C-alpha cells in the first residue's frame, strides 16, 4: 500500500512505521493522514483501530492528523459504512474506512 500511495501526486510524503503509525501521509495541501492497517474483518478492524488512531493523533507529543483512516482488504457492508459514518458524526472524529484491493492494487473511496 505504501508503494500505491507514493504514486499519488497529491501526496508530498508517504512514510511507514513512524511513531507506531502504520502509514503517515502528508498531502501537498498540508493535510496529514494516518492510516491504520488491519487484517481482520471490517467491524473488528474499526473496533481495534479507533483507539490506536486516537492515541497516535492526540497522545502527548504526538503529531495531529486531519484524517484517520482504517484500511482492510474487505469491502464494507452498508451496516459497516453506516457505523463508521455514525461514529464520525456523533463524536466529531475525522475517522474513515477504505478497502485496499491487493489483487488490483487499488484503494477504494473514502467511507
PDB file of N, CA and C in Angstrom:
ATOM      1  N   UNK A   1       0.824  -1.184   0.000  1.00  0.00           N
ATOM      2  CA  UNK A   1       0.000   0.000   0.000  1.00  0.00           C
ATOM      3  C   UNK A   1       0.875   1.257   0.000  1.00  0.00           C
ATOM      4  N   UNK A   2       2.016   1.208   0.640  1.00  0.00           N
ATOM      5  CA  UNK A   2       2.920   2.360   0.635  1.00  0.00           C
ATOM      6  C   UNK A   2       3.315   2.706  -0.798  1.00  0.00           C
ATOM      7  N   UNK A   3       3.682   1.693  -1.583  1.00  0.00           N
ATOM      8  CA  UNK A   3       4.039   1.926  -2.990  1.00  0.00           C
ATOM      9  C   UNK A   3       2.882   2.556  -3.747  1.00  0.00           C
ATOM     10  N   UNK A   4       1.678   2.076  -3.489  1.00  0.00           N
ATOM     11  CA  UNK A   4       0.485   2.617  -4.136  1.00  0.00           C
ATOM     12  C   UNK A   4       0.308   4.096  -3.786  1.00  0.00           C
ATOM     13  N   UNK A   5       0.416   4.439  -2.506  1.00  0.00           N
ATOM     14  CA  UNK A   5       0.223   5.817  -2.069  1.00  0.00           C
ATOM     15  C   UNK A   5       1.314   6.748  -2.597  1.00  0.00           C
ATOM     16  N   UNK A   6       2.530   6.254  -2.707  1.00  0.00           N
ATOM     17  CA  UNK A   6       3.633   7.079  -3.198  1.00  0.00           C
ATOM     18  C   UNK A   6       3.434   7.502  -4.649  1.00  0.00           C
ATOM     19  N   UNK A   7       2.600   6.795  -5.383  1.00  0.00           N
ATOM     20  CA  UNK A   7       2.329   7.144  -6.782  1.00  0.00           C
ATOM     21  C   UNK A   7       1.336   8.299  -6.916  1.00  0.00           C
ATOM     22  N   UNK A   8       0.668   8.663  -5.825  1.00  0.00           N
ATOM     23  CA  UNK A   8      -0.354   9.717  -5.860  1.00  0.00           C
ATOM     24  C   UNK A   8       0.317  11.089  -5.831  1.00  0.00           C
ATOM     25  N   UNK A   9       0.098  11.862  -6.859  1.00  0.00           N
ATOM     26  CA  UNK A   9       0.742  13.183  -6.963  1.00  0.00           C
ATOM     27  C   UNK A   9       0.207  14.190  -5.947  1.00  0.00           C
ATOM     28  N   UNK A  10      -0.900  13.886  -5.274  1.00  0.00           N
ATOM     29  CA  UNK A  10      -1.443  14.764  -4.237  1.00  0.00           C
ATOM     30  C   UNK A  10      -0.718  14.598  -2.907  1.00  0.00           C
ATOM     31  N   UNK A  11       0.150  13.589  -2.835  1.00  0.00           N
ATOM     32  CA  UNK A  11       0.858  13.303  -1.595  1.00  0.00           C
ATOM     33  C   UNK A  11       2.309  13.765  -1.698  1.00  0.00           C
ATOM     34  N   UNK A  12       2.701  14.601  -0.747  1.00  0.00           N
ATOM     35  CA  UNK A  12       4.061  15.130  -0.702  1.00  0.00           C
ATOM     36  C   UNK A  12       5.021  14.095  -0.119  1.00  0.00           C
ATOM     37  N   UNK A  13       4.562  13.383   0.927  1.00  0.00           N
ATOM     38  CA  UNK A  13       5.405  12.335   1.510  1.00  0.00           C
ATOM     39  C   UNK A  13       4.543  11.205   2.050  1.00  0.00           C
ATOM     40  N   UNK A  14       5.096  10.014   1.986  1.00  0.00           N
ATOM     41  CA  UNK A  14       4.443   8.804   2.494  1.00  0.00           C
ATOM     42  C   UNK A  14       5.499   8.040   3.282  1.00  0.00           C
ATOM     43  N   UNK A  15       5.233   7.850   4.591  1.00  0.00           N
ATOM     44  CA  UNK A  15       6.179   7.117   5.426  1.00  0.00           C
ATOM     45  C   UNK A  15       5.448   5.999   6.154  1.00  0.00           C
ATOM     46  N   UNK A  16       6.198   4.980   6.543  1.00  0.00           N
ATOM     47  CA  UNK A  16       5.588   3.878   7.285  1.00  0.00           C
ATOM     48  C   UNK A  16       6.312   3.671   8.605  1.00  0.00           C
ATOM     49  N   UNK A  17       5.515   3.241   9.601  1.00  0.00           N
ATOM     50  CA  UNK A  17       6.011   2.902  10.935  1.00  0.00           C
ATOM     51  C   UNK A  17       6.819   4.022  11.591  1.00  0.00           C
ATOM     52  N   UNK A  18       6.277   5.232  11.555  1.00  0.00           N
ATOM     53  CA  UNK A  18       6.862   6.353  12.285  1.00  0.00           C
ATOM     54  C   UNK A  18       5.952   6.631  13.476  1.00  0.00           C
ATOM     55  N   UNK A  19       6.516   6.614  14.688  1.00  0.00           N
ATOM     56  CA  UNK A  19       5.736   6.784  15.923  1.00  0.00           C
ATOM     57  C   UNK A  19       4.576   5.796  16.007  1.00  0.00           C
ATOM     58  N   UNK A  20       4.811   4.577  15.580  1.00  0.00           N
ATOM     59  CA  UNK A  20       3.843   3.467  15.613  1.00  0.00           C
ATOM     60  C   UNK A  20       2.714   3.571  14.594  1.00  0.00           C
ATOM     61  N   UNK A  21       2.622   4.648  13.855  1.00  0.00           N
ATOM     62  CA  UNK A  21       1.561   4.789  12.844  1.00  0.00           C
ATOM     63  C   UNK A  21       1.944   3.928  11.649  1.00  0.00           C
ATOM     64  N   UNK A  22       1.002   3.089  11.190  1.00  0.00           N
ATOM     65  CA  UNK A  22       1.304   2.205  10.057  1.00  0.00           C
ATOM     66  C   UNK A  22       1.779   3.002   8.853  1.00  0.00           C
ATOM     67  N   UNK A  23       0.973   3.990   8.417  1.00  0.00           N
ATOM     68  CA  UNK A  23       1.348   4.844   7.290  1.00  0.00           C
ATOM     69  C   UNK A  23       0.929   6.282   7.597  1.00  0.00           C
ATOM     70  N   UNK A  24       1.855   7.207   7.386  1.00  0.00           N
ATOM     71  CA  UNK A  24       1.560   8.635   7.531  1.00  0.00           C
ATOM     72  C   UNK A  24       1.763   9.298   6.186  1.00  0.00           C
ATOM     73  N   UNK A  25       0.759  10.067   5.780  1.00  0.00           N
ATOM     74  CA  UNK A  25       0.815  10.777   4.511  1.00  0.00           C
ATOM     75  C   UNK A  25       0.724  12.272   4.783  1.00  0.00           C
ATOM     76  N   UNK A  26       1.578  13.020   4.120  1.00  0.00           N
ATOM     77  CA  UNK A  26       1.489  14.484   4.113  1.00  0.00           C
ATOM     78  C   UNK A  26       1.075  14.867   2.698  1.00  0.00           C
ATOM     79  N   UNK A  27      -0.020  15.617   2.587  1.00  0.00           N
ATOM     80  CA  UNK A  27      -0.520  16.000   1.269  1.00  0.00           C
ATOM     81  C   UNK A  27       0.117  17.315   0.819  1.00  0.00           C
ATOM     82  N   UNK A  28      -0.009  17.609  -0.456  1.00  0.00           N
ATOM     83  CA  UNK A  28       0.525  18.864  -0.983  1.00  0.00           C
ATOM     84  C   UNK A  28      -0.228  20.070  -0.434  1.00  0.00           C
ATOM     85  N   UNK A  29      -1.436  19.859   0.080  1.00  0.00           N
ATOM     86  CA  UNK A  29      -2.217  20.954   0.666  1.00  0.00           C
ATOM     87  C   UNK A  29      -1.969  21.116   2.160  1.00  0.00           C
ATOM     88  N   UNK A  30      -1.079  20.302   2.724  1.00  0.00           N
ATOM     89  CA  UNK A  30      -0.709  20.442   4.128  1.00  0.00           C
ATOM     90  C   UNK A  30      -1.457  19.546   5.098  1.00  0.00           C
ATOM     91  N   UNK A  31      -2.328  18.688   4.599  1.00  0.00           N
ATOM     92  CA  UNK A  31      -3.037  17.747   5.464  1.00  0.00           C
ATOM     93  C   UNK A  31      -2.112  16.605   5.881  1.00  0.00           C
ATOM     94  N   UNK A  32      -2.398  16.044   7.046  1.00  0.00           N
ATOM     95  CA  UNK A  32      -1.728  14.827   7.492  1.00  0.00           C
ATOM     96  C   UNK A  32      -2.792  13.750   7.643  1.00  0.00           C
ATOM     97  N   UNK A  33      -2.511  12.573   7.083  1.00  0.00           N
ATOM     98  CA  UNK A  33      -3.437  11.450   7.152  1.00  0.00           C
ATOM     99  C   UNK A  33      -2.711  10.271   7.792  1.00  0.00           C
ATOM    100  N   UNK A  34      -3.338   9.680   8.818  1.00  0.00           N
ATOM    101  CA  UNK A  34      -2.826   8.464   9.429  1.00  0.00           C
ATOM    102  C   UNK A  34      -3.643   7.287   8.915  1.00  0.00           C
ATOM    103  N   UNK A  35      -2.965   6.238   8.446  1.00  0.00           N
ATOM    104  CA  UNK A  35      -3.605   5.006   8.009  1.00  0.00           C
ATOM    105  C   UNK A  35      -3.259   3.902   8.996  1.00  0.00           C
ATOM    106  N   UNK A  36      -4.279   3.204   9.470  1.00  0.00           N
ATOM    107  CA  UNK A  36      -4.084   2.036  10.329  1.00  0.00           C
ATOM    108  C   UNK A  36      -4.543   0.815   9.547  1.00  0.00           C
ATOM    109  N   UNK A  37      -3.636  -0.118   9.290  1.00  0.00           N
ATOM    110  CA  UNK A  37      -3.931  -1.307   8.501  1.00  0.00           C
ATOM    111  C   UNK A  37      -4.302  -2.468   9.422  1.00  0.00           C
ATOM    112  N   UNK A  38      -5.361  -3.151   9.064  1.00  0.00           N
ATOM    113  CA  UNK A  38      -5.822  -4.302   9.844  1.00  0.00           C
ATOM    114  C   UNK A  38      -6.086  -5.476   8.907  1.00  0.00           C
ATOM    115  N   UNK A  39      -5.921  -6.688   9.447  1.00  0.00           N
ATOM    116  CA  UNK A  39      -6.138  -7.899   8.652  1.00  0.00           C
ATOM    117  C   UNK A  39      -7.471  -8.574   8.966  1.00  0.00           C
ATOM    118  N   UNK A  40      -8.169  -8.097   9.977  1.00  0.00           N
ATOM    119  CA  UNK A  40      -9.436  -8.724  10.377  1.00  0.00           C
ATOM    120  C   UNK A  40     -10.609  -8.124   9.588  1.00  0.00           C
ATOM    121  N   UNK A  41     -11.812  -8.612   9.856  1.00  0.00           N
ATOM    122  CA  UNK A  41     -12.993  -8.113   9.169  1.00  0.00           C
ATOM    123  C   UNK A  41     -13.229  -6.640   9.514  1.00  0.00           C
ATOM    124  N   UNK A  42     -14.103  -5.997   8.750  1.00  0.00           N
ATOM    125  CA  UNK A  42     -14.309  -4.551   8.851  1.00  0.00           C
ATOM    126  C   UNK A  42     -14.763  -4.117  10.243  1.00  0.00           C
ATOM    127  N   UNK A  43     -15.768  -4.776  10.807  1.00  0.00           N
ATOM    128  CA  UNK A  43     -16.285  -4.385  12.125  1.00  0.00           C
ATOM    129  C   UNK A  43     -15.194  -4.458  13.198  1.00  0.00           C
ATOM    130  N   UNK A  44     -14.456  -5.548  13.221  1.00  0.00           N
ATOM    131  CA  UNK A  44     -13.385  -5.697  14.207  1.00  0.00           C
ATOM    132  C   UNK A  44     -12.234  -4.730  13.934  1.00  0.00           C
ATOM    133  N   UNK A  45     -11.969  -4.462  12.681  1.00  0.00           N
ATOM    134  CA  UNK A  45     -10.917  -3.504  12.335  1.00  0.00           C
ATOM    135  C   UNK A  45     -11.252  -2.124  12.885  1.00  0.00           C
ATOM    136  N   UNK A  46     -12.497  -1.715  12.719  1.00  0.00           N
ATOM    137  CA  UNK A  46     -12.930  -0.420  13.253  1.00  0.00           C
ATOM    138  C   UNK A  46     -12.766  -0.411  14.773  1.00  0.00           C
ATOM    139  N   UNK A  47     -13.216  -1.461  15.409  1.00  0.00           N
ATOM    140  CA  UNK A  47     -13.128  -1.569  16.872  1.00  0.00           C
ATOM    141  C   UNK A  47     -11.678  -1.455  17.349  1.00  0.00           C
ATOM    142  N   UNK A  48     -10.784  -2.179  16.709  1.00  0.00           N
ATOM    143  CA  UNK A  48      -9.389  -2.207  17.130  1.00  0.00           C
ATOM    144  C   UNK A  48      -8.626  -0.935  16.767  1.00  0.00           C
ATOM    145  N   UNK A  49      -8.922  -0.372  15.628  1.00  0.00           N
ATOM    146  CA  UNK A  49      -8.127   0.744  15.120  1.00  0.00           C
ATOM    147  C   UNK A  49      -8.480   2.093  15.741  1.00  0.00           C
ATOM    148  N   UNK A  50      -9.711   2.275  16.173  1.00  0.00           N
ATOM    149  CA  UNK A  50     -10.108   3.583  16.708  1.00  0.00           C
ATOM    150  C   UNK A  50      -9.203   4.016  17.860  1.00  0.00           C
ATOM    151  N   UNK A  51      -8.998   3.156  18.831  1.00  0.00           N
ATOM    152  CA  UNK A  51      -8.153   3.503  19.970  1.00  0.00           C
ATOM    153  C   UNK A  51      -6.727   3.813  19.558  1.00  0.00           C
ATOM    154  N   UNK A  52      -6.196   3.009  18.656  1.00  0.00           N
ATOM    155  CA  UNK A  52      -4.832   3.243  18.194  1.00  0.00           C
ATOM    156  C   UNK A  52      -4.720   4.589  17.494  1.00  0.00           C
ATOM    157  N   UNK A  53      -5.629   4.864  16.572  1.00  0.00           N
ATOM    158  CA  UNK A  53      -5.568   6.112  15.820  1.00  0.00           C
ATOM    159  C   UNK A  53      -5.746   7.335  16.712  1.00  0.00           C
ATOM    160  N   UNK A  54      -6.652   7.234  17.685  1.00  0.00           N
ATOM    161  CA  UNK A  54      -6.831   8.358  18.609  1.00  0.00           C
ATOM    162  C   UNK A  54      -5.572   8.589  19.437  1.00  0.00           C
ATOM    163  N   UNK A  55      -4.934   7.522  19.867  1.00  0.00           N
ATOM    164  CA  UNK A  55      -3.680   7.658  20.612  1.00  0.00           C
ATOM    165  C   UNK A  55      -2.614   8.316  19.746  1.00  0.00           C
ATOM    166  N   UNK A  56      -2.441   7.822  18.535  1.00  0.00           N
ATOM    167  CA  UNK A  56      -1.415   8.366  17.646  1.00  0.00           C
ATOM    168  C   UNK A  56      -1.672   9.847  17.352  1.00  0.00           C
ATOM    169  N   UNK A  57      -2.909  10.214  17.272  1.00  0.00           N
ATOM    170  CA  UNK A  57      -3.283  11.571  16.896  1.00  0.00           C
ATOM    171  C   UNK A  57      -3.251  12.543  18.071  1.00  0.00           C
ATOM    172  N   UNK A  58      -3.564  12.084  19.271  1.00  0.00           N
ATOM    173  CA  UNK A  58      -3.771  13.005  20.386  1.00  0.00           C
ATOM    174  C   UNK A  58      -2.892  12.799  21.609  1.00  0.00           C
ATOM    175  N   UNK A  59      -2.168  11.688  21.691  1.00  0.00           N
ATOM    176  CA  UNK A  59      -1.360  11.451  22.879  1.00  0.00           C
ATOM    177  C   UNK A  59      -0.228  12.475  22.948  1.00  0.00           C
ATOM    178  N   UNK A  60       0.207  12.783  24.131  1.00  0.00           N
ATOM    179  CA  UNK A  60       1.225  13.807  24.385  1.00  0.00           C
ATOM    180  C   UNK A  60       2.408  13.700  23.418  1.00  0.00           C
ATOM    181  N   UNK A  61       2.770  14.844  22.880  1.00  0.00           N
ATOM    182  CA  UNK A  61       3.913  14.979  21.976  1.00  0.00           C
ATOM    183  C   UNK A  61       3.772  14.190  20.671  1.00  0.00           C
ATOM    184  N   UNK A  62       2.565  13.871  20.304  1.00  0.00           N
ATOM    185  CA  UNK A  62       2.344  13.200  19.028  1.00  0.00           C
ATOM    186  C   UNK A  62       1.820  14.218  18.023  1.00  0.00           C
ATOM    187  N   UNK A  63       2.131  14.019  16.776  1.00  0.00           N
ATOM    188  CA  UNK A  63       1.617  14.886  15.731  1.00  0.00           C
ATOM    189  C   UNK A  63       0.139  14.626  15.529  1.00  0.00           C
ATOM    190  N   UNK A  64      -0.576  15.646  15.241  1.00  0.00           N
ATOM    191  CA  UNK A  64      -2.008  15.503  14.976  1.00  0.00           C
ATOM    192  C   UNK A  64      -2.209  15.174  13.497  1.00  0.00           C
ATOM    193  N   UNK A  65      -3.342  14.568  13.210  1.00  0.00           N
ATOM    194  CA  UNK A  65      -3.692  14.243  11.827  1.00  0.00           C
ATOM    195  C   UNK A  65      -5.051  14.842  11.501  1.00  0.00           C
ATOM    196  N   UNK A  66      -5.237  15.175  10.242  1.00  0.00           N
ATOM    197  CA  UNK A  66      -6.515  15.714   9.780  1.00  0.00           C
ATOM    198  C   UNK A  66      -7.517  14.609   9.475  1.00  0.00           C
ATOM    199  N   UNK A  67      -7.001  13.444   9.075  1.00  0.00           N
ATOM    200  CA  UNK A  67      -7.855  12.297   8.778  1.00  0.00           C
ATOM    201  C   UNK A  67      -7.237  11.054   9.378  1.00  0.00           C
ATOM    202  N   UNK A  68      -8.099  10.192   9.895  1.00  0.00           N
ATOM    203  CA  UNK A  68      -7.701   8.903  10.445  1.00  0.00           C
ATOM    204  C   UNK A  68      -8.405   7.844   9.613  1.00  0.00           C
ATOM    205  N   UNK A  69      -7.645   6.992   8.954  1.00  0.00           N
ATOM    206  CA  UNK A  69      -8.229   6.043   8.016  1.00  0.00           C
ATOM    207  C   UNK A  69      -7.889   4.608   8.410  1.00  0.00           C
ATOM    208  N   UNK A  70      -8.928   3.796   8.523  1.00  0.00           N
ATOM    209  CA  UNK A  70      -8.785   2.371   8.815  1.00  0.00           C
ATOM    210  C   UNK A  70      -8.842   1.636   7.475  1.00  0.00           C
ATOM    211  N   UNK A  71      -7.909   0.730   7.259  1.00  0.00           N
ATOM    212  CA  UNK A  71      -7.832   0.025   5.976  1.00  0.00           C
ATOM    213  C   UNK A  71      -7.772  -1.480   6.207  1.00  0.00           C
ATOM    214  N   UNK A  72      -8.615  -2.204   5.459  1.00  0.00           N
ATOM    215  CA  UNK A  72      -8.512  -3.663   5.385  1.00  0.00           C
ATOM    216  C   UNK A  72      -8.662  -4.057   3.920  1.00  0.00           C
ATOM    217  N   UNK A  73      -8.561  -5.340   3.663  1.00  0.00           N
ATOM    218  CA  UNK A  73      -8.761  -5.836   2.302  1.00  0.00           C
ATOM    219  C   UNK A  73     -10.234  -6.137   2.011  1.00  0.00           C
ATOM    220  N   UNK A  74     -11.104  -5.908   2.994  1.00  0.00           N
ATOM    221  CA  UNK A  74     -12.503  -6.288   2.858  1.00  0.00           C
ATOM    222  C   UNK A  74     -13.398  -5.121   2.455  1.00  0.00           C
ATOM    223  N   UNK A  75     -14.349  -5.418   1.599  1.00  0.00           N
ATOM    224  CA  UNK A  75     -15.334  -4.423   1.186  1.00  0.00           C
ATOM    225  C   UNK A  75     -16.327  -4.219   2.336  1.00  0.00           C
ATOM    226  N   UNK A  76     -16.610  -2.967   2.684  1.00  0.00           N
ATOM    227  CA  UNK A  76     -17.539  -2.727   3.795  1.00  0.00           C
ATOM    228  C   UNK A  76     -18.989  -2.962   3.373  1.00  0.00           C
ATOM    229  N   UNK A  77     -19.787  -3.458   4.302  1.00  0.00           N
ATOM    230  CA  UNK A  77     -21.225  -3.609   4.057  1.00  0.00           C
ATOM    231  C   UNK A  77     -21.898  -2.261   4.306  1.00  0.00           C
ATOM    232  N   UNK A  78     -23.164  -2.166   3.980  1.00  0.00           N
ATOM    233  CA  UNK A  78     -23.918  -0.939   4.255  1.00  0.00           C
ATOM    234  C   UNK A  78     -23.940  -0.651   5.752  1.00  0.00           C
ATOM    235  N   UNK A  79     -24.030  -1.694   6.555  1.00  0.00           N
ATOM    236  CA  UNK A  79     -24.026  -1.527   8.011  1.00  0.00           C
ATOM    237  C   UNK A  79     -22.667  -0.996   8.479  1.00  0.00           C
ATOM    238  N   UNK A  80     -21.566  -1.530   7.918  1.00  0.00           N
ATOM    239  CA  UNK A  80     -20.227  -1.045   8.268  1.00  0.00           C
ATOM    240  C   UNK A  80     -20.063   0.434   7.917  1.00  0.00           C
ATOM    241  N   UNK A  81     -20.545   0.793   6.737  1.00  0.00           N
ATOM    242  CA  UNK A  81     -20.445   2.188   6.290  1.00  0.00           C
ATOM    243  C   UNK A  81     -21.257   3.095   7.201  1.00  0.00           C
ATOM    244  N   UNK A  82     -22.457   2.691   7.528  1.00  0.00           N
ATOM    245  CA  UNK A  82     -23.304   3.467   8.422  1.00  0.00           C
ATOM    246  C   UNK A  82     -22.652   3.609   9.791  1.00  0.00           C
ATOM    247  N   UNK A  83     -22.057   2.538  10.275  1.00  0.00           N
ATOM    248  CA  UNK A  83     -21.387   2.526  11.577  1.00  0.00           C
ATOM    249  C   UNK A  83     -20.261   3.561  11.619  1.00  0.00           C
ATOM    250  N   UNK A  84     -19.371   3.555  10.629  1.00  0.00           N
ATOM    251  CA  UNK A  84     -18.242   4.494  10.628  1.00  0.00           C
ATOM    252  C   UNK A  84     -18.739   5.930  10.444  1.00  0.00           C
ATOM    253  N   UNK A  85     -19.780   6.118   9.649  1.00  0.00           N
ATOM    254  CA  UNK A  85     -20.339   7.458   9.467  1.00  0.00           C
ATOM    255  C   UNK A  85     -20.976   7.968  10.757  1.00  0.00           C
ATOM    256  N   UNK A  86     -21.651   7.091  11.482  1.00  0.00           N
ATOM    257  CA  UNK A  86     -22.264   7.475  12.755  1.00  0.00           C
ATOM    258  C   UNK A  86     -21.208   7.850  13.794  1.00  0.00           C
ATOM    259  N   UNK A  87     -20.135   7.089  13.858  1.00  0.00           N
ATOM    260  CA  UNK A  87     -19.045   7.407  14.789  1.00  0.00           C
ATOM    261  C   UNK A  87     -18.465   8.781  14.447  1.00  0.00           C
ATOM    262  N   UNK A  88     -18.215   9.001  13.169  1.00  0.00           N
ATOM    263  CA  UNK A  88     -17.641  10.271  12.716  1.00  0.00           C
ATOM    264  C   UNK A  88     -18.560  11.441  13.071  1.00  0.00           C
ATOM    265  N   UNK A  89     -19.831  11.276  12.826  1.00  0.00           N
ATOM    266  CA  UNK A  89     -20.799  12.335  13.073  1.00  0.00           C
ATOM    267  C   UNK A  89     -21.056  12.560  14.561  1.00  0.00           C
ATOM    268  N   UNK A  90     -21.304  11.502  15.283  1.00  0.00           N
ATOM    269  CA  UNK A  90     -21.656  11.591  16.698  1.00  0.00           C
ATOM    270  C   UNK A  90     -20.516  12.156  17.549  1.00  0.00           C
ATOM    271  N   UNK A  91     -19.302  11.681  17.302  1.00  0.00           N
ATOM    272  CA  UNK A  91     -18.165  12.072  18.137  1.00  0.00           C
ATOM    273  C   UNK A  91     -17.268  13.135  17.497  1.00  0.00           C
ATOM    274  N   UNK A  92     -17.612  13.553  16.287  1.00  0.00           N
ATOM    275  CA  UNK A  92     -16.839  14.590  15.576  1.00  0.00           C
ATOM    276  C   UNK A  92     -15.368  14.194  15.429  1.00  0.00           C
ATOM    277  N   UNK A  93     -15.158  12.942  15.082  1.00  0.00           N
ATOM    278  CA  UNK A  93     -13.818  12.400  14.862  1.00  0.00           C
ATOM    279  C   UNK A  93     -13.641  12.212  13.352  1.00  0.00           C
ATOM    280  N   UNK A  94     -12.550  12.691  12.783  1.00  0.00           N
ATOM    281  CA  UNK A  94     -12.348  12.553  11.336  1.00  0.00           C
ATOM    282  C   UNK A  94     -11.867  11.150  10.959  1.00  0.00           C
ATOM    283  N   UNK A  95     -12.717  10.160  11.251  1.00  0.00           N
ATOM    284  CA  UNK A  95     -12.337   8.764  11.039  1.00  0.00           C
ATOM    285  C   UNK A  95     -13.071   8.203   9.831  1.00  0.00           C
ATOM    286  N   UNK A  96     -12.331   7.445   9.025  1.00  0.00           N
ATOM    287  CA  UNK A  96     -12.864   6.925   7.762  1.00  0.00           C
ATOM    288  C   UNK A  96     -12.423   5.475   7.587  1.00  0.00           C
ATOM    289  N   UNK A  97     -12.998   4.850   6.569  1.00  0.00           N
ATOM    290  CA  UNK A  97     -12.633   3.475   6.229  1.00  0.00           C
ATOM    291  C   UNK A  97     -12.341   3.406   4.735  1.00  0.00           C
ATOM    292  N   UNK A  98     -11.348   2.589   4.376  1.00  0.00           N
ATOM    293  CA  UNK A  98     -11.081   2.299   2.975  1.00  0.00           C
ATOM    294  C   UNK A  98     -10.702   0.834   2.833  1.00  0.00           C
ATOM    295  N   UNK A  99     -11.078   0.288   1.687  1.00  0.00           N
ATOM    296  CA  UNK A  99     -10.687  -1.073   1.341  1.00  0.00           C
ATOM    297  C   UNK A  99      -9.498  -0.990   0.391  1.00  0.00           C
ATOM    298  N   UNK A 100      -8.483  -1.803   0.644  1.00  0.00           N
ATOM    299  CA  UNK A 100      -7.365  -1.907  -0.290  1.00  0.00           C
ATOM    300  C   UNK A 100      -7.434  -3.270  -0.947  1.00  0.00           C
ATOM    301  N   UNK A 101      -7.710  -3.266  -2.245  1.00  0.00           N
ATOM    302  CA  UNK A 101      -7.789  -4.496  -3.018  1.00  0.00           C
ATOM    303  C   UNK A 101      -6.368  -4.854  -3.463  1.00  0.00           C
ATOM    304  N   UNK A 102      -5.818  -5.888  -2.841  1.00  0.00           N
ATOM    305  CA  UNK A 102      -4.427  -6.248  -3.101  1.00  0.00           C
ATOM    306  C   UNK A 102      -4.234  -6.890  -4.469  1.00  0.00           C
ATOM    307  N   UNK A 103      -5.266  -7.506  -5.035  1.00  0.00           N
ATOM    308  CA  UNK A 103      -5.108  -8.113  -6.362  1.00  0.00           C
ATOM    309  C   UNK A 103      -5.121  -7.039  -7.454  1.00  0.00           C
ATOM    310  N   UNK A 104      -5.929  -6.005  -7.261  1.00  0.00           N
ATOM    311  CA  UNK A 104      -5.995  -4.906  -8.231  1.00  0.00           C
ATOM    312  C   UNK A 104      -5.053  -3.761  -7.868  1.00  0.00           C
ATOM    313  N   UNK A 105      -4.445  -3.837  -6.678  1.00  0.00           N
ATOM    314  CA  UNK A 105      -3.589  -2.773  -6.174  1.00  0.00           C
ATOM    315  C   UNK A 105      -4.324  -1.430  -6.250  1.00  0.00           C
ATOM    316  N   UNK A 106      -5.492  -1.413  -5.592  1.00  0.00           N
ATOM    317  CA  UNK A 106      -6.377  -0.253  -5.697  1.00  0.00           C
ATOM    318  C   UNK A 106      -7.031   0.040  -4.352  1.00  0.00           C
ATOM    319  N   UNK A 107      -7.106   1.318  -4.023  1.00  0.00           N
ATOM    320  CA  UNK A 107      -7.740   1.786  -2.789  1.00  0.00           C
ATOM    321  C   UNK A 107      -9.133   2.294  -3.117  1.00  0.00           C
ATOM    322  N   UNK A 108     -10.095   1.908  -2.302  1.00  0.00           N
ATOM    323  CA  UNK A 108     -11.490   2.311  -2.541  1.00  0.00           C
ATOM    324  C   UNK A 108     -11.695   3.785  -2.204  1.00  0.00           C
ATOM    325  N   UNK A 109     -12.919   4.219  -2.409  1.00  0.00           N
ATOM    326  CA  UNK A 109     -13.292   5.565  -1.990  1.00  0.00           C
ATOM    327  C   UNK A 109     -13.222   5.631  -0.469  1.00  0.00           C
ATOM    328  N   UNK A 110     -13.235   6.834   0.041  1.00  0.00           N
ATOM    329  CA  UNK A 110     -13.211   7.059   1.482  1.00  0.00           C
ATOM    330  C   UNK A 110     -14.627   6.940   2.009  1.00  0.00           C
ATOM    331  N   UNK A 111     -14.872   5.996   2.912  1.00  0.00           N
ATOM    332  CA  UNK A 111     -16.198   5.826   3.514  1.00  0.00           C
ATOM    333  C   UNK A 111     -16.229   6.557   4.834  1.00  0.00           C
TER     334      UNK A 111
END
